Amino acid sequence: MFSRLALLTLSTLLLIATADGADKKKKKKADDSKTDPEKILKQLDGDNDGMLSLYEFNFLPNVMAGAEKATPVSLAATFAKLDTNNNKKLTLDEFKKIKDVGLVKVPAAGKKAKKKKVV
């Protein structure tokens, strides 16, 4: 009797541990879709040309972690900074630089940008 109970307990624990591991993998996959530039580009690329137009880039706050509060002005400024060849499209290589550049912060209308002190 004891061995059946022990076996049942061990198999239940193993099942729980396996399910927990699967949940963590699913969560990591979901997190990747909001941080991996290649996956983000694929989500935003409405015309499937492998590049992002400014129109497509404006949907960035919907799919990228950390971009939720981006304004249209800051998105346009970020797009212009990333579009190094000025062709009005972002390639994957250009878009990947968003990790280094980040979103450009633009002061609200009527406010002056603070000058950074250079030491």
PDB file of N, CA and C in Angstrom:
ATOM      1  N   MET A   1       0.826  -1.199   0.000  1.00  0.00           N
ATOM      2  CA  MET A   1       0.000   0.000   0.000  1.00  0.00           C
ATOM      3  C   MET A   1       0.865   1.256   0.000  1.00  0.00           C
ATOM      4  N   PHE A   2       1.873   1.281   0.830  1.00  0.00           N
ATOM      5  CA  PHE A   2       2.754   2.448   0.928  1.00  0.00           C
ATOM      6  C   PHE A   2       3.463   2.718  -0.392  1.00  0.00           C
ATOM      7  N   SER A   3       3.911   1.684  -1.079  1.00  0.00           N
ATOM      8  CA  SER A   3       4.649   1.888  -2.315  1.00  0.00           C
ATOM      9  C   SER A   3       3.753   2.467  -3.414  1.00  0.00           C
ATOM     10  N   ARG A   4       2.487   2.082  -3.440  1.00  0.00           N
ATOM     11  CA  ARG A   4       1.580   2.657  -4.424  1.00  0.00           C
ATOM     12  C   ARG A   4       1.342   4.143  -4.134  1.00  0.00           C
ATOM     13  N   LEU A   5       1.197   4.465  -2.866  1.00  0.00           N
ATOM     14  CA  LEU A   5       0.982   5.852  -2.470  1.00  0.00           C
ATOM     15  C   LEU A   5       2.226   6.690  -2.788  1.00  0.00           C
ATOM     16  N   ALA A   6       3.391   6.146  -2.495  1.00  0.00           N
ATOM     17  CA  ALA A   6       4.629   6.862  -2.783  1.00  0.00           C
ATOM     18  C   ALA A   6       4.794   7.063  -4.290  1.00  0.00           C
ATOM     19  N   LEU A   7       4.501   6.043  -5.066  1.00  0.00           N
ATOM     20  CA  LEU A   7       4.597   6.127  -6.514  1.00  0.00           C
ATOM     21  C   LEU A   7       3.618   7.170  -7.065  1.00  0.00           C
ATOM     22  N   LEU A   8       2.405   7.189  -6.552  1.00  0.00           N
ATOM     23  CA  LEU A   8       1.404   8.155  -6.970  1.00  0.00           C
ATOM     24  C   LEU A   8       1.847   9.577  -6.622  1.00  0.00           C
ATOM     25  N   THR A   9       2.402   9.747  -5.438  1.00  0.00           N
ATOM     26  CA  THR A   9       2.877  11.062  -5.008  1.00  0.00           C
ATOM     27  C   THR A   9       4.025  11.532  -5.887  1.00  0.00           C
ATOM     28  N   LEU A  10       4.970  10.657  -6.166  1.00  0.00           N
ATOM     29  CA  LEU A  10       6.102  11.022  -7.017  1.00  0.00           C
ATOM     30  C   LEU A  10       5.662  11.363  -8.433  1.00  0.00           C
ATOM     31  N   SER A  11       4.745  10.590  -8.982  1.00  0.00           N
ATOM     32  CA  SER A  11       4.283  10.870 -10.340  1.00  0.00           C
ATOM     33  C   SER A  11       3.506  12.188 -10.388  1.00  0.00           C
ATOM     34  N   THR A  12       2.755  12.500  -9.338  1.00  0.00           N
ATOM     35  CA  THR A  12       2.036  13.773  -9.272  1.00  0.00           C
ATOM     36  C   THR A  12       3.015  14.939  -9.203  1.00  0.00           C
ATOM     37  N   LEU A  13       4.050  14.809  -8.395  1.00  0.00           N
ATOM     38  CA  LEU A  13       5.067  15.858  -8.289  1.00  0.00           C
ATOM     39  C   LEU A  13       5.796  16.058  -9.612  1.00  0.00           C
ATOM     40  N   LEU A  14       6.089  14.966 -10.282  1.00  0.00           N
ATOM     41  CA  LEU A  14       6.753  15.051 -11.577  1.00  0.00           C
ATOM     42  C   LEU A  14       5.856  15.748 -12.598  1.00  0.00           C
ATOM     43  N   LEU A  15       4.591  15.440 -12.582  1.00  0.00           N
ATOM     44  CA  LEU A  15       3.634  16.068 -13.490  1.00  0.00           C
ATOM     45  C   LEU A  15       3.535  17.571 -13.226  1.00  0.00           C
ATOM     46  N   ILE A  16       3.493  17.961 -11.971  1.00  0.00           N
ATOM     47  CA  ILE A  16       3.426  19.377 -11.598  1.00  0.00           C
ATOM     48  C   ILE A  16       4.689  20.105 -12.044  1.00  0.00           C
ATOM     49  N   ALA A  17       5.850  19.490 -11.807  1.00  0.00           N
ATOM     50  CA  ALA A  17       7.119  20.112 -12.195  1.00  0.00           C
ATOM     51  C   ALA A  17       7.210  20.281 -13.707  1.00  0.00           C
ATOM     52  N   THR A  18       6.745  19.303 -14.460  1.00  0.00           N
ATOM     53  CA  THR A  18       6.765  19.377 -15.922  1.00  0.00           C
ATOM     54  C   THR A  18       5.844  20.489 -16.410  1.00  0.00           C
ATOM     55  N   ALA A  19       4.663  20.591 -15.832  1.00  0.00           N
ATOM     56  CA  ALA A  19       3.714  21.633 -16.220  1.00  0.00           C
ATOM     57  C   ALA A  19       4.268  23.013 -15.896  1.00  0.00           C
ATOM     58  N   ASP A  20       4.941  23.151 -14.756  1.00  0.00           N
ATOM     59  CA  ASP A  20       5.538  24.436 -14.369  1.00  0.00           C
ATOM     60  C   ASP A  20       6.631  24.843 -15.353  1.00  0.00           C
ATOM     61  N   GLY A  21       7.432  23.889 -15.772  1.00  0.00           N
ATOM     62  CA  GLY A  21       8.485  24.168 -16.752  1.00  0.00           C
ATOM     63  C   GLY A  21       7.913  24.599 -18.085  1.00  0.00           C
ATOM     64  N   ALA A  22       6.816  23.976 -18.507  1.00  0.00           N
ATOM     65  CA  ALA A  22       6.165  24.347 -19.770  1.00  0.00           C
ATOM     66  C   ALA A  22       5.595  25.753 -19.685  1.00  0.00           C
ATOM     67  N   ASP A  23       5.029  26.107 -18.523  1.00  0.00           N
ATOM     68  CA  ASP A  23       4.495  27.460 -18.338  1.00  0.00           C
ATOM     69  C   ASP A  23       5.601  28.500 -18.424  1.00  0.00           C
ATOM     70  N   LYS A  24       6.755  28.211 -17.854  1.00  0.00           N
ATOM     71  CA  LYS A  24       7.877  29.147 -17.904  1.00  0.00           C
ATOM     72  C   LYS A  24       8.371  29.336 -19.338  1.00  0.00           C
ATOM     73  N   LYS A  25       8.396  28.250 -20.131  1.00  0.00           N
ATOM     74  CA  LYS A  25       8.816  28.350 -21.530  1.00  0.00           C
ATOM     75  C   LYS A  25       7.832  29.206 -22.325  1.00  0.00           C
ATOM     76  N   LYS A  26       6.525  29.016 -22.076  1.00  0.00           N
ATOM     77  CA  LYS A  26       5.515  29.814 -22.768  1.00  0.00           C
ATOM     78  C   LYS A  26       5.667  31.283 -22.415  1.00  0.00           C
ATOM     79  N   LYS A  27       5.913  31.572 -21.139  1.00  0.00           N
ATOM     80  CA  LYS A  27       6.081  32.955 -20.702  1.00  0.00           C
ATOM     81  C   LYS A  27       7.303  33.571 -21.352  1.00  0.00           C
ATOM     82  N   LYS A  28       8.417  32.817 -21.430  1.00  0.00           N
ATOM     83  CA  LYS A  28       9.630  33.328 -22.056  1.00  0.00           C
ATOM     84  C   LYS A  28       9.379  33.619 -23.527  1.00  0.00           C
ATOM     85  N   LYS A  29       8.647  32.726 -24.213  1.00  0.00           N
ATOM     86  CA  LYS A  29       8.324  32.948 -25.626  1.00  0.00           C
ATOM     87  C   LYS A  29       7.510  34.224 -25.786  1.00  0.00           C
ATOM     88  N   ALA A  30       6.546  34.441 -24.904  1.00  0.00           N
ATOM     89  CA  ALA A  30       5.722  35.646 -24.964  1.00  0.00           C
ATOM     90  C   ALA A  30       6.581  36.879 -24.723  1.00  0.00           C
ATOM     91  N   ASP A  31       7.511  36.809 -23.777  1.00  0.00           N
ATOM     92  CA  ASP A  31       8.399  37.929 -23.492  1.00  0.00           C
ATOM     93  C   ASP A  31       9.281  38.221 -24.699  1.00  0.00           C
ATOM     94  N   ASP A  32       9.770  37.189 -25.382  1.00  0.00           N
ATOM     95  CA  ASP A  32      10.622  37.362 -26.559  1.00  0.00           C
ATOM     96  C   ASP A  32       9.903  38.132 -27.651  1.00  0.00           C
ATOM     97  N   SER A  33       8.612  37.901 -27.799  1.00  0.00           N
ATOM     98  CA  SER A  33       7.875  38.563 -28.876  1.00  0.00           C
ATOM     99  C   SER A  33       7.752  40.061 -28.640  1.00  0.00           C
ATOM    100  N   LYS A  34       7.996  40.521 -27.420  1.00  0.00           N
ATOM    101  CA  LYS A  34       7.942  41.952 -27.118  1.00  0.00           C
ATOM    102  C   LYS A  34       9.328  42.583 -27.016  1.00  0.00           C
ATOM    103  N   THR A  35      10.383  41.774 -27.113  1.00  0.00           N
ATOM    104  CA  THR A  35      11.735  42.323 -26.991  1.00  0.00           C
ATOM    105  C   THR A  35      12.653  41.974 -28.164  1.00  0.00           C
ATOM    106  N   ASP A  36      12.356  40.936 -28.896  1.00  0.00           N
ATOM    107  CA  ASP A  36      13.214  40.509 -30.004  1.00  0.00           C
ATOM    108  C   ASP A  36      12.905  41.346 -31.249  1.00  0.00           C
ATOM    109  N   PRO A  37      13.869  42.155 -31.720  1.00  0.00           N
ATOM    110  CA  PRO A  37      13.608  43.033 -32.867  1.00  0.00           C
ATOM    111  C   PRO A  37      13.086  42.308 -34.103  1.00  0.00           C
ATOM    112  N   GLU A  38      13.594  41.127 -34.379  1.00  0.00           N
ATOM    113  CA  GLU A  38      13.144  40.398 -35.565  1.00  0.00           C
ATOM    114  C   GLU A  38      11.668  40.015 -35.450  1.00  0.00           C
ATOM    115  N   LYS A  39      11.259  39.560 -34.275  1.00  0.00           N
ATOM    116  CA  LYS A  39       9.855  39.175 -34.076  1.00  0.00           C
ATOM    117  C   LYS A  39       8.953  40.405 -34.093  1.00  0.00           C
ATOM    118  N   ILE A  40       9.436  41.503 -33.518  1.00  0.00           N
ATOM    119  CA  ILE A  40       8.654  42.737 -33.509  1.00  0.00           C
ATOM    120  C   ILE A  40       8.466  43.239 -34.937  1.00  0.00           C
ATOM    121  N   LEU A  41       9.547  43.233 -35.723  1.00  0.00           N
ATOM    122  CA  LEU A  41       9.452  43.686 -37.110  1.00  0.00           C
ATOM    123  C   LEU A  41       8.439  42.854 -37.881  1.00  0.00           C
ATOM    124  N   LYS A  42       8.466  41.549 -37.696  1.00  0.00           N
ATOM    125  CA  LYS A  42       7.510  40.679 -38.399  1.00  0.00           C
ATOM    126  C   LYS A  42       6.069  40.989 -37.991  1.00  0.00           C
ATOM    127  N   GLN A  43       5.868  41.317 -36.711  1.00  0.00           N
ATOM    128  CA  GLN A  43       4.517  41.653 -36.252  1.00  0.00           C
ATOM    129  C   GLN A  43       4.033  42.967 -36.854  1.00  0.00           C
ATOM    130  N   LEU A  44       4.928  43.926 -37.013  1.00  0.00           N
ATOM    131  CA  LEU A  44       4.553  45.250 -37.501  1.00  0.00           C
ATOM    132  C   LEU A  44       4.513  45.353 -39.021  1.00  0.00           C
ATOM    133  N   ASP A  45       5.188  44.466 -39.716  1.00  0.00           N
ATOM    134  CA  ASP A  45       5.349  44.542 -41.166  1.00  0.00           C
ATOM    135  C   ASP A  45       4.053  44.137 -41.874  1.00  0.00           C
ATOM    136  N   GLY A  46       3.147  45.095 -42.011  1.00  0.00           N
ATOM    137  CA  GLY A  46       1.824  44.817 -42.573  1.00  0.00           C
ATOM    138  C   GLY A  46       1.840  44.414 -44.036  1.00  0.00           C
ATOM    139  N   ASP A  47       2.772  44.949 -44.821  1.00  0.00           N
ATOM    140  CA  ASP A  47       2.805  44.603 -46.250  1.00  0.00           C
ATOM    141  C   ASP A  47       3.811  43.497 -46.565  1.00  0.00           C
ATOM    142  N   ASN A  48       4.421  42.929 -45.549  1.00  0.00           N
ATOM    143  CA  ASN A  48       5.345  41.791 -45.678  1.00  0.00           C
ATOM    144  C   ASN A  48       6.497  42.034 -46.653  1.00  0.00           C
ATOM    145  N   ASP A  49       7.021  43.264 -46.637  1.00  0.00           N
ATOM    146  CA  ASP A  49       8.167  43.547 -47.507  1.00  0.00           C
ATOM    147  C   ASP A  49       9.500  43.406 -46.761  1.00  0.00           C
ATOM    148  N   GLY A  50       9.437  43.017 -45.493  1.00  0.00           N
ATOM    149  CA  GLY A  50      10.653  42.823 -44.711  1.00  0.00           C
ATOM    150  C   GLY A  50      11.217  44.110 -44.131  1.00  0.00           C
ATOM    151  N   MET A  51      10.484  45.214 -44.309  1.00  0.00           N
ATOM    152  CA  MET A  51      10.914  46.507 -43.796  1.00  0.00           C
ATOM    153  C   MET A  51       9.727  47.209 -43.147  1.00  0.00           C
ATOM    154  N   LEU A  52      10.029  48.250 -42.357  1.00  0.00           N
ATOM    155  CA  LEU A  52       8.970  49.006 -41.712  1.00  0.00           C
ATOM    156  C   LEU A  52       8.888  50.410 -42.277  1.00  0.00           C
ATOM    157  N   SER A  53       7.685  50.816 -42.645  1.00  0.00           N
ATOM    158  CA  SER A  53       7.437  52.210 -43.009  1.00  0.00           C
ATOM    159  C   SER A  53       7.145  52.963 -41.712  1.00  0.00           C
ATOM    160  N   LEU A  54       7.096  54.285 -41.792  1.00  0.00           N
ATOM    161  CA  LEU A  54       6.759  55.079 -40.602  1.00  0.00           C
ATOM    162  C   LEU A  54       5.357  54.722 -40.122  1.00  0.00           C
ATOM    163  N   TYR A  55       4.441  54.494 -41.058  1.00  0.00           N
ATOM    164  CA  TYR A  55       3.080  54.100 -40.686  1.00  0.00           C
ATOM    165  C   TYR A  55       3.097  52.819 -39.853  1.00  0.00           C
ATOM    166  N   GLU A  56       3.830  51.812 -40.300  1.00  0.00           N
ATOM    167  CA  GLU A  56       3.908  50.538 -39.565  1.00  0.00           C
ATOM    168  C   GLU A  56       4.621  50.735 -38.234  1.00  0.00           C
ATOM    169  N   PHE A  57       5.669  51.561 -38.244  1.00  0.00           N
ATOM    170  CA  PHE A  57       6.462  51.821 -37.037  1.00  0.00           C
ATOM    171  C   PHE A  57       5.612  52.487 -35.948  1.00  0.00           C
ATOM    172  N   ASN A  58       4.595  53.238 -36.344  1.00  0.00           N
ATOM    173  CA  ASN A  58       3.741  53.913 -35.369  1.00  0.00           C
ATOM    174  C   ASN A  58       2.930  52.950 -34.506  1.00  0.00           C
ATOM    175  N   PHE A  59       2.863  51.686 -34.888  1.00  0.00           N
ATOM    176  CA  PHE A  59       2.175  50.681 -34.085  1.00  0.00           C
ATOM    177  C   PHE A  59       3.108  50.035 -33.057  1.00  0.00           C
ATOM    178  N   LEU A  60       4.335  50.498 -32.985  1.00  0.00           N
ATOM    179  CA  LEU A  60       5.336  49.952 -32.068  1.00  0.00           C
ATOM    180  C   LEU A  60       4.856  49.868 -30.616  1.00  0.00           C
ATOM    181  N   PRO A  61       4.176  50.895 -30.085  1.00  0.00           N
ATOM    182  CA  PRO A  61       3.736  50.802 -28.684  1.00  0.00           C
ATOM    183  C   PRO A  61       2.816  49.625 -28.395  1.00  0.00           C
ATOM    184  N   ASN A  62       2.159  49.100 -29.422  1.00  0.00           N
ATOM    185  CA  ASN A  62       1.248  47.959 -29.226  1.00  0.00           C
ATOM    186  C   ASN A  62       1.982  46.634 -29.054  1.00  0.00           C
ATOM    187  N   VAL A  63       3.233  46.557 -29.518  1.00  0.00           N
ATOM    188  CA  VAL A  63       3.898  45.256 -29.530  1.00  0.00           C
ATOM    189  C   VAL A  63       5.262  45.223 -28.837  1.00  0.00           C
ATOM    190  N   MET A  64       5.860  46.366 -28.536  1.00  0.00           N
ATOM    191  CA  MET A  64       7.211  46.360 -27.967  1.00  0.00           C
ATOM    192  C   MET A  64       7.197  46.772 -26.499  1.00  0.00           C
ATOM    193  N   ALA A  65       7.828  45.953 -25.679  1.00  0.00           N
ATOM    194  CA  ALA A  65       7.952  46.260 -24.260  1.00  0.00           C
ATOM    195  C   ALA A  65       8.746  47.551 -24.093  1.00  0.00           C
ATOM    196  N   GLY A  66       8.250  48.446 -23.247  1.00  0.00           N
ATOM    197  CA  GLY A  66       8.935  49.697 -22.978  1.00  0.00           C
ATOM    198  C   GLY A  66       8.518  50.832 -23.893  1.00  0.00           C
ATOM    199  N   ALA A  67       7.714  50.552 -24.910  1.00  0.00           N
ATOM    200  CA  ALA A  67       7.310  51.600 -25.852  1.00  0.00           C
ATOM    201  C   ALA A  67       5.856  52.019 -25.655  1.00  0.00           C
ATOM    202  N   GLU A  68       5.243  51.545 -24.597  1.00  0.00           N
ATOM    203  CA  GLU A  68       3.816  51.760 -24.391  1.00  0.00           C
ATOM    204  C   GLU A  68       3.421  53.235 -24.349  1.00  0.00           C
ATOM    205  N   LYS A  69       4.293  54.089 -23.819  1.00  0.00           N
ATOM    206  CA  LYS A  69       3.956  55.507 -23.645  1.00  0.00           C
ATOM    207  C   LYS A  69       4.554  56.395 -24.729  1.00  0.00           C
ATOM    208  N   ALA A  70       5.066  55.814 -25.781  1.00  0.00           N
ATOM    209  CA  ALA A  70       5.681  56.602 -26.848  1.00  0.00           C
ATOM    210  C   ALA A  70       4.624  57.446 -27.561  1.00  0.00           C
ATOM    211  N   THR A  71       5.007  58.667 -27.870  1.00  0.00           N
ATOM    212  CA  THR A  71       4.102  59.576 -28.588  1.00  0.00           C
ATOM    213  C   THR A  71       4.397  59.498 -30.082  1.00  0.00           C
ATOM    214  N   PRO A  72       3.465  59.943 -30.905  1.00  0.00           N
ATOM    215  CA  PRO A  72       3.727  59.961 -32.355  1.00  0.00           C
ATOM    216  C   PRO A  72       4.970  60.789 -32.713  1.00  0.00           C
ATOM    217  N   VAL A  73       5.198  61.876 -31.991  1.00  0.00           N
ATOM    218  CA  VAL A  73       6.359  62.722 -32.270  1.00  0.00           C
ATOM    219  C   VAL A  73       7.655  61.988 -31.923  1.00  0.00           C
ATOM    220  N   SER A  74       7.675  61.310 -30.774  1.00  0.00           N
ATOM    221  CA  SER A  74       8.891  60.579 -30.396  1.00  0.00           C
ATOM    222  C   SER A  74       9.122  59.382 -31.316  1.00  0.00           C
ATOM    223  N   LEU A  75       8.034  58.760 -31.780  1.00  0.00           N
ATOM    224  CA  LEU A  75       8.173  57.646 -32.728  1.00  0.00           C
ATOM    225  C   LEU A  75       8.750  58.134 -34.053  1.00  0.00           C
ATOM    226  N   ALA A  76       8.274  59.283 -34.533  1.00  0.00           N
ATOM    227  CA  ALA A  76       8.789  59.836 -35.790  1.00  0.00           C
ATOM    228  C   ALA A  76      10.261  60.214 -35.660  1.00  0.00           C
ATOM    229  N   ALA A  77      10.634  60.779 -34.518  1.00  0.00           N
ATOM    230  CA  ALA A  77      12.035  61.150 -34.296  1.00  0.00           C
ATOM    231  C   ALA A  77      12.920  59.910 -34.199  1.00  0.00           C
ATOM    232  N   THR A  78      12.419  58.883 -33.545  1.00  0.00           N
ATOM    233  CA  THR A  78      13.175  57.631 -33.435  1.00  0.00           C
ATOM    234  C   THR A  78      13.330  56.987 -34.806  1.00  0.00           C
ATOM    235  N   PHE A  79      12.257  56.967 -35.576  1.00  0.00           N
ATOM    236  CA  PHE A  79      12.291  56.398 -36.927  1.00  0.00           C
ATOM    237  C   PHE A  79      13.351  57.113 -37.768  1.00  0.00           C
ATOM    238  N   ALA A  80      13.346  58.444 -37.732  1.00  0.00           N
ATOM    239  CA  ALA A  80      14.307  59.229 -38.511  1.00  0.00           C
ATOM    240  C   ALA A  80      15.746  58.924 -38.089  1.00  0.00           C
ATOM    241  N   LYS A  81      15.949  58.728 -36.794  1.00  0.00           N
ATOM    242  CA  LYS A  81      17.296  58.423 -36.298  1.00  0.00           C
ATOM    243  C   LYS A  81      17.753  57.032 -36.734  1.00  0.00           C
ATOM    244  N   LEU A  82      16.824  56.089 -36.789  1.00  0.00           N
ATOM    245  CA  LEU A  82      17.167  54.714 -37.175  1.00  0.00           C
ATOM    246  C   LEU A  82      17.332  54.553 -38.686  1.00  0.00           C
ATOM    247  N   ASP A  83      16.632  55.361 -39.468  1.00  0.00           N
ATOM    248  CA  ASP A  83      16.648  55.261 -40.931  1.00  0.00           C
ATOM    249  C   ASP A  83      17.933  55.898 -41.472  1.00  0.00           C
ATOM    250  N   THR A  84      19.021  55.175 -41.347  1.00  0.00           N
ATOM    251  CA  THR A  84      20.340  55.732 -41.675  1.00  0.00           C
ATOM    252  C   THR A  84      20.544  55.989 -43.161  1.00  0.00           C
ATOM    253  N   ASN A  85      19.840  55.279 -44.028  1.00  0.00           N
ATOM    254  CA  ASN A  85      20.000  55.525 -45.466  1.00  0.00           C
ATOM    255  C   ASN A  85      18.904  56.441 -46.028  1.00  0.00           C
ATOM    256  N   ASN A  86      18.052  56.943 -45.147  1.00  0.00           N
ATOM    257  CA  ASN A  86      17.007  57.920 -45.496  1.00  0.00           C
ATOM    258  C   ASN A  86      16.092  57.481 -46.638  1.00  0.00           C
ATOM    259  N   ASN A  87      15.761  56.200 -46.677  1.00  0.00           N
ATOM    260  CA  ASN A  87      14.854  55.711 -47.725  1.00  0.00           C
ATOM    261  C   ASN A  87      13.411  55.578 -47.241  1.00  0.00           C
ATOM    262  N   LYS A  88      13.140  56.092 -46.050  1.00  0.00           N
ATOM    263  CA  LYS A  88      11.789  56.073 -45.455  1.00  0.00           C
ATOM    264  C   LYS A  88      11.304  54.670 -45.124  1.00  0.00           C
ATOM    265  N   LYS A  89      12.239  53.735 -44.982  1.00  0.00           N
ATOM    266  CA  LYS A  89      11.940  52.355 -44.581  1.00  0.00           C
ATOM    267  C   LYS A  89      13.027  51.905 -43.615  1.00  0.00           C
ATOM    268  N   LEU A  90      12.662  51.079 -42.648  1.00  0.00           N
ATOM    269  CA  LEU A  90      13.648  50.501 -41.740  1.00  0.00           C
ATOM    270  C   LEU A  90      13.859  49.038 -42.097  1.00  0.00           C
ATOM    271  N   THR A  91      15.102  48.698 -42.400  1.00  0.00           N
ATOM    272  CA  THR A  91      15.453  47.299 -42.610  1.00  0.00           C
ATOM    273  C   THR A  91      15.602  46.650 -41.230  1.00  0.00           C
ATOM    274  N   LEU A  92      15.744  45.352 -41.196  1.00  0.00           N
ATOM    275  CA  LEU A  92      15.946  44.663 -39.925  1.00  0.00           C
ATOM    276  C   LEU A  92      17.211  45.166 -39.250  1.00  0.00           C
ATOM    277  N   ASP A  93      18.299  45.342 -40.020  1.00  0.00           N
ATOM    278  CA  ASP A  93      19.546  45.827 -39.426  1.00  0.00           C
ATOM    279  C   ASP A  93      19.379  47.218 -38.813  1.00  0.00           C
ATOM    280  N   GLU A  94      18.658  48.092 -39.504  1.00  0.00           N
ATOM    281  CA  GLU A  94      18.411  49.428 -38.948  1.00  0.00           C
ATOM    282  C   GLU A  94      17.534  49.334 -37.706  1.00  0.00           C
ATOM    283  N   PHE A  95      16.493  48.506 -37.779  1.00  0.00           N
ATOM    284  CA  PHE A  95      15.566  48.386 -36.655  1.00  0.00           C
ATOM    285  C   PHE A  95      16.227  47.782 -35.420  1.00  0.00           C
ATOM    286  N   LYS A  96      17.175  46.875 -35.624  1.00  0.00           N
ATOM    287  CA  LYS A  96      17.872  46.254 -34.493  1.00  0.00           C
ATOM    288  C   LYS A  96      18.609  47.285 -33.643  1.00  0.00           C
ATOM    289  N   LYS A  97      18.964  48.410 -34.233  1.00  0.00           N
ATOM    290  CA  LYS A  97      19.693  49.454 -33.505  1.00  0.00           C
ATOM    291  C   LYS A  97      18.827  50.173 -32.482  1.00  0.00           C
ATOM    292  N   ILE A  98      17.534  49.854 -32.459  1.00  0.00           N
ATOM    293  CA  ILE A  98      16.649  50.486 -31.487  1.00  0.00           C
ATOM    294  C   ILE A  98      17.061  50.115 -30.060  1.00  0.00           C
ATOM    295  N   LYS A  99      17.705  48.955 -29.916  1.00  0.00           N
ATOM    296  CA  LYS A  99      18.191  48.560 -28.591  1.00  0.00           C
ATOM    297  C   LYS A  99      19.277  49.504 -28.104  1.00  0.00           C
ATOM    298  N   ASP A 100      20.090  50.021 -29.025  1.00  0.00           N
ATOM    299  CA  ASP A 100      21.155  50.954 -28.666  1.00  0.00           C
ATOM    300  C   ASP A 100      20.634  52.384 -28.573  1.00  0.00           C
ATOM    301  N   VAL A 101      19.788  52.765 -29.514  1.00  0.00           N
ATOM    302  CA  VAL A 101      19.286  54.132 -29.602  1.00  0.00           C
ATOM    303  C   VAL A 101      18.187  54.385 -28.573  1.00  0.00           C
ATOM    304  N   GLY A 102      17.302  53.427 -28.417  1.00  0.00           N
ATOM    305  CA  GLY A 102      16.140  53.624 -27.553  1.00  0.00           C
ATOM    306  C   GLY A 102      15.148  54.546 -28.247  1.00  0.00           C
ATOM    307  N   LEU A 103      14.073  54.871 -27.564  1.00  0.00           N
ATOM    308  CA  LEU A 103      13.094  55.792 -28.129  1.00  0.00           C
ATOM    309  C   LEU A 103      13.550  57.212 -27.847  1.00  0.00           C
ATOM    310  N   VAL A 104      13.516  58.046 -28.868  1.00  0.00           N
ATOM    311  CA  VAL A 104      13.921  59.440 -28.725  1.00  0.00           C
ATOM    312  C   VAL A 104      12.851  60.160 -27.912  1.00  0.00           C
ATOM    313  N   LYS A 105      13.288  60.861 -26.869  1.00  0.00           N
ATOM    314  CA  LYS A 105      12.345  61.603 -26.038  1.00  0.00           C
ATOM    315  C   LYS A 105      12.235  63.019 -26.568  1.00  0.00           C
ATOM    316  N   VAL A 106      11.010  63.422 -26.806  1.00  0.00           N
ATOM    317  CA  VAL A 106      10.734  64.756 -27.320  1.00  0.00           C
ATOM    318  C   VAL A 106       9.935  65.484 -26.249  1.00  0.00           C
ATOM    319  N   PRO A 107      10.369  66.697 -25.852  1.00  0.00           N
ATOM    320  CA  PRO A 107       9.614  67.419 -24.821  1.00  0.00           C
ATOM    321  C   PRO A 107       8.230  67.810 -25.323  1.00  0.00           C
ATOM    322  N   ALA A 108       7.278  67.876 -24.404  1.00  0.00           N
ATOM    323  CA  ALA A 108       5.917  68.265 -24.763  1.00  0.00           C
ATOM    324  C   ALA A 108       5.908  69.708 -25.264  1.00  0.00           C
ATOM    325  N   ALA A 109       4.909  70.041 -26.038  1.00  0.00           N
ATOM    326  CA  ALA A 109       4.808  71.391 -26.601  1.00  0.00           C
ATOM    327  C   ALA A 109       4.829  72.433 -25.490  1.00  0.00           C
ATOM    328  N   GLY A 110       5.594  73.482 -25.708  1.00  0.00           N
ATOM    329  CA  GLY A 110       5.679  74.561 -24.726  1.00  0.00           C
ATOM    330  C   GLY A 110       6.729  74.346 -23.661  1.00  0.00           C
ATOM    331  N   LYS A 111       7.320  73.163 -23.614  1.00  0.00           N
ATOM    332  CA  LYS A 111       8.369  72.891 -22.627  1.00  0.00           C
ATOM    333  C   LYS A 111       9.698  72.864 -23.330  1.00  0.00           C
ATOM    334  N   LYS A 112      10.696  73.399 -22.671  1.00  0.00           N
ATOM    335  CA  LYS A 112      12.040  73.380 -23.228  1.00  0.00           C
ATOM    336  C   LYS A 112      12.760  72.117 -22.788  1.00  0.00           C
ATOM    337  N   ALA A 113      13.536  71.588 -23.674  1.00  0.00           N
ATOM    338  CA  ALA A 113      14.327  70.411 -23.319  1.00  0.00           C
ATOM    339  C   ALA A 113      15.438  70.851 -22.375  1.00  0.00           C
ATOM    340  N   LYS A 114      15.701  70.025 -21.400  1.00  0.00           N
ATOM    341  CA  LYS A 114      16.777  70.330 -20.458  1.00  0.00           C
ATOM    342  C   LYS A 114      18.109  70.062 -21.124  1.00  0.00           C
ATOM    343  N   LYS A 115      19.012  70.979 -20.929  1.00  0.00           N
ATOM    344  CA  LYS A 115      20.343  70.804 -21.490  1.00  0.00           C
ATOM    345  C   LYS A 115      21.150  69.942 -20.528  1.00  0.00           C
ATOM    346  N   LYS A 116      21.875  69.006 -21.111  1.00  0.00           N
ATOM    347  CA  LYS A 116      22.738  68.160 -20.295  1.00  0.00           C
ATOM    348  C   LYS A 116      24.069  68.853 -20.113  1.00  0.00           C
ATOM    349  N   LYS A 117      24.550  68.817 -18.923  1.00  0.00           N
ATOM    350  CA  LYS A 117      25.825  69.443 -18.608  1.00  0.00           C
ATOM    351  C   LYS A 117      26.956  68.516 -19.039  1.00  0.00           C
ATOM    352  N   VAL A 118      27.843  69.040 -19.846  1.00  0.00           N
ATOM    353  CA  VAL A 118      28.985  68.260 -20.310  1.00  0.00           C
ATOM    354  C   VAL A 118      30.154  68.556 -19.385  1.00  0.00           C
ATOM    355  N   VAL A 119      30.712  67.486 -18.845  1.00  0.00           N
ATOM    356  CA  VAL A 119      31.824  67.657 -17.904  1.00  0.00           C
ATOM    357  C   VAL A 119      33.133  67.389 -18.559  1.00  0.00           C
TER     358      VAL A 119
END
